[in-house]
Amino acid sequence: MYRGYPAARLGATKTLAKLANHIAKDAERKPGSYPEHLAQVCNLEALSPADKDSLFATTAVE
């Protein structure tokens, strides 16, 4: 059953899963905001620590 969740997200905690969801959606909807390969599926657990730090630094905290 389709529930309307086009982006897959993976993270060790609920907070990281929400961040991965945000990154996957923004990478798809706003080209250039995040690396294109993270669109649709963003697996934070598969990224290197340096890549994670880069993503965390570019993500605005509200």
N, C-alpha and C. Protein backbone atom coordinates (compact mmCIF):
# COMPACT_ATOMS: atom_id res chain seq x y z
N MET A 1 0.85 -1.18 0.00
CA MET A 1 0.00 0.00 0.00
C MET A 1 0.89 1.24 0.00
N TYR A 2 0.66 2.12 -0.94
CA TYR A 2 1.44 3.36 -1.03
C TYR A 2 0.94 4.37 -0.01
N ARG A 3 1.86 4.92 0.78
CA ARG A 3 1.47 5.85 1.83
C ARG A 3 1.92 7.28 1.53
N GLY A 4 2.49 7.51 0.36
CA GLY A 4 2.88 8.86 0.00
C GLY A 4 4.24 9.28 0.51
N TYR A 5 5.10 8.32 0.81
CA TYR A 5 6.44 8.63 1.29
C TYR A 5 7.44 8.31 0.19
N PRO A 6 7.76 9.25 -0.69
CA PRO A 6 8.63 8.94 -1.82
C PRO A 6 10.10 8.80 -1.45
N ALA A 7 10.51 9.33 -0.33
CA ALA A 7 11.93 9.30 0.03
C ALA A 7 12.17 8.27 1.13
N ALA A 8 13.19 7.48 0.96
CA ALA A 8 13.58 6.53 2.00
C ALA A 8 14.63 7.21 2.86
N ARG A 9 14.60 6.94 4.13
CA ARG A 9 15.56 7.56 5.04
C ARG A 9 16.05 6.54 6.04
N LEU A 10 17.32 6.61 6.33
CA LEU A 10 17.93 5.67 7.25
C LEU A 10 18.83 6.42 8.21
N GLY A 11 18.64 6.17 9.48
CA GLY A 11 19.46 6.79 10.51
C GLY A 11 19.43 5.94 11.76
N ALA A 12 20.43 6.08 12.59
CA ALA A 12 20.54 5.27 13.80
C ALA A 12 19.50 5.65 14.85
N THR A 13 19.06 6.90 14.84
CA THR A 13 18.08 7.37 15.81
C THR A 13 16.91 8.01 15.06
N LYS A 14 15.86 8.28 15.77
CA LYS A 14 14.70 8.93 15.15
C LYS A 14 15.09 10.31 14.61
N THR A 15 15.91 11.03 15.34
CA THR A 15 16.34 12.36 14.90
C THR A 15 17.17 12.27 13.63
N LEU A 16 18.10 11.32 13.57
CA LEU A 16 18.91 11.16 12.36
C LEU A 16 18.07 10.67 11.19
N ALA A 17 17.06 9.85 11.44
CA ALA A 17 16.17 9.41 10.38
C ALA A 17 15.38 10.60 9.82
N LYS A 18 14.95 11.50 10.69
CA LYS A 18 14.24 12.69 10.23
C LYS A 18 15.17 13.60 9.43
N LEU A 19 16.42 13.72 9.86
CA LEU A 19 17.39 14.51 9.11
C LEU A 19 17.64 13.88 7.74
N ALA A 20 17.78 12.56 7.69
CA ALA A 20 17.98 11.88 6.42
C ALA A 20 16.78 12.09 5.50
N ASN A 21 15.58 12.08 6.06
CA ASN A 21 14.36 12.35 5.28
C ASN A 21 14.42 13.77 4.70
N HIS A 22 14.79 14.72 5.52
CA HIS A 22 14.90 16.12 5.08
C HIS A 22 15.91 16.25 3.94
N ILE A 23 17.06 15.62 4.11
CA ILE A 23 18.11 15.69 3.10
C ILE A 23 17.65 15.05 1.80
N ALA A 24 17.03 13.86 1.89
CA ALA A 24 16.58 13.16 0.68
C ALA A 24 15.54 13.98 -0.08
N LYS A 25 14.61 14.58 0.64
CA LYS A 25 13.57 15.38 -0.02
C LYS A 25 14.15 16.66 -0.62
N ASP A 26 15.00 17.36 0.13
CA ASP A 26 15.59 18.60 -0.39
C ASP A 26 16.53 18.33 -1.56
N ALA A 27 17.28 17.25 -1.52
CA ALA A 27 18.20 16.92 -2.62
C ALA A 27 17.41 16.68 -3.90
N GLU A 28 16.20 16.16 -3.76
CA GLU A 28 15.37 15.90 -4.95
C GLU A 28 14.65 17.17 -5.42
N ARG A 29 14.10 17.93 -4.48
CA ARG A 29 13.27 19.09 -4.82
C ARG A 29 14.07 20.35 -5.14
N LYS A 30 15.22 20.49 -4.51
CA LYS A 30 16.04 21.70 -4.67
C LYS A 30 17.44 21.30 -5.13
N PRO A 31 17.62 21.10 -6.43
CA PRO A 31 18.95 20.69 -6.92
C PRO A 31 20.03 21.67 -6.46
N GLY A 32 21.14 21.13 -6.02
CA GLY A 32 22.25 21.95 -5.54
C GLY A 32 22.25 22.15 -4.04
N SER A 33 21.14 21.84 -3.37
CA SER A 33 21.10 22.02 -1.92
C SER A 33 21.91 20.94 -1.20
N TYR A 34 21.88 19.74 -1.71
CA TYR A 34 22.63 18.60 -1.19
C TYR A 34 23.14 17.80 -2.38
N PRO A 35 24.10 16.91 -2.19
CA PRO A 35 24.58 16.10 -3.31
C PRO A 35 23.43 15.31 -3.96
N GLU A 36 23.44 15.25 -5.27
CA GLU A 36 22.36 14.63 -6.03
C GLU A 36 22.18 13.15 -5.70
N HIS A 37 23.26 12.45 -5.37
CA HIS A 37 23.15 11.02 -5.10
C HIS A 37 22.36 10.72 -3.81
N LEU A 38 22.06 11.73 -3.01
CA LEU A 38 21.28 11.53 -1.78
C LEU A 38 19.79 11.71 -2.00
N ALA A 39 19.37 12.10 -3.22
CA ALA A 39 17.95 12.26 -3.51
C ALA A 39 17.28 10.89 -3.47
N GLN A 40 16.05 10.85 -3.01
CA GLN A 40 15.23 9.65 -2.88
C GLN A 40 15.66 8.79 -1.69
N VAL A 41 16.94 8.42 -1.60
CA VAL A 41 17.41 7.57 -0.50
C VAL A 41 18.64 8.20 0.12
N CYS A 42 18.54 8.51 1.39
CA CYS A 42 19.68 9.07 2.11
C CYS A 42 19.98 8.14 3.29
N ASN A 43 21.05 7.38 3.18
CA ASN A 43 21.47 6.47 4.24
C ASN A 43 22.65 7.09 4.98
N LEU A 44 22.36 7.74 6.08
CA LEU A 44 23.43 8.41 6.84
C LEU A 44 24.42 7.40 7.40
N GLU A 45 23.98 6.18 7.65
CA GLU A 45 24.87 5.18 8.23
C GLU A 45 25.92 4.71 7.24
N ALA A 46 25.68 4.87 5.94
CA ALA A 46 26.63 4.43 4.93
C ALA A 46 27.66 5.51 4.59
N LEU A 47 27.47 6.72 5.10
CA LEU A 47 28.39 7.82 4.79
C LEU A 47 29.59 7.83 5.73
N SER A 48 30.68 8.36 5.23
CA SER A 48 31.87 8.50 6.06
C SER A 48 31.64 9.62 7.08
N PRO A 49 32.39 9.62 8.17
CA PRO A 49 32.25 10.71 9.15
C PRO A 49 32.46 12.10 8.54
N ALA A 50 33.38 12.22 7.60
CA ALA A 50 33.63 13.52 6.96
C ALA A 50 32.41 13.94 6.13
N ASP A 51 31.79 13.00 5.42
CA ASP A 51 30.60 13.32 4.64
C ASP A 51 29.44 13.72 5.55
N LYS A 52 29.30 13.02 6.66
CA LYS A 52 28.23 13.37 7.62
C LYS A 52 28.46 14.78 8.17
N ASP A 53 29.70 15.08 8.55
CA ASP A 53 30.01 16.42 9.07
C ASP A 53 29.69 17.50 8.05
N SER A 54 29.98 17.22 6.79
CA SER A 54 29.69 18.18 5.72
C SER A 54 28.17 18.40 5.60
N LEU A 55 27.39 17.32 5.65
CA LEU A 55 25.94 17.45 5.58
C LEU A 55 25.38 18.20 6.78
N PHE A 56 25.88 17.87 7.96
CA PHE A 56 25.41 18.55 9.17
C PHE A 56 25.73 20.04 9.12
N ALA A 57 26.87 20.40 8.56
CA ALA A 57 27.27 21.80 8.49
C ALA A 57 26.40 22.59 7.50
N THR A 58 25.91 21.93 6.45
CA THR A 58 25.10 22.63 5.45
C THR A 58 23.62 22.65 5.79
N THR A 59 23.22 21.93 6.83
CA THR A 59 21.81 21.85 7.21
C THR A 59 21.50 22.96 8.21
N ALA A 60 20.54 23.79 7.86
CA ALA A 60 20.12 24.87 8.75
C ALA A 60 19.32 24.31 9.92
N VAL A 61 19.59 24.81 11.09
CA VAL A 61 18.86 24.40 12.30
C VAL A 61 17.93 25.52 12.69
N GLU A 62 16.66 25.20 12.78
CA GLU A 62 15.67 26.24 13.10
C GLU A 62 15.14 26.08 14.50
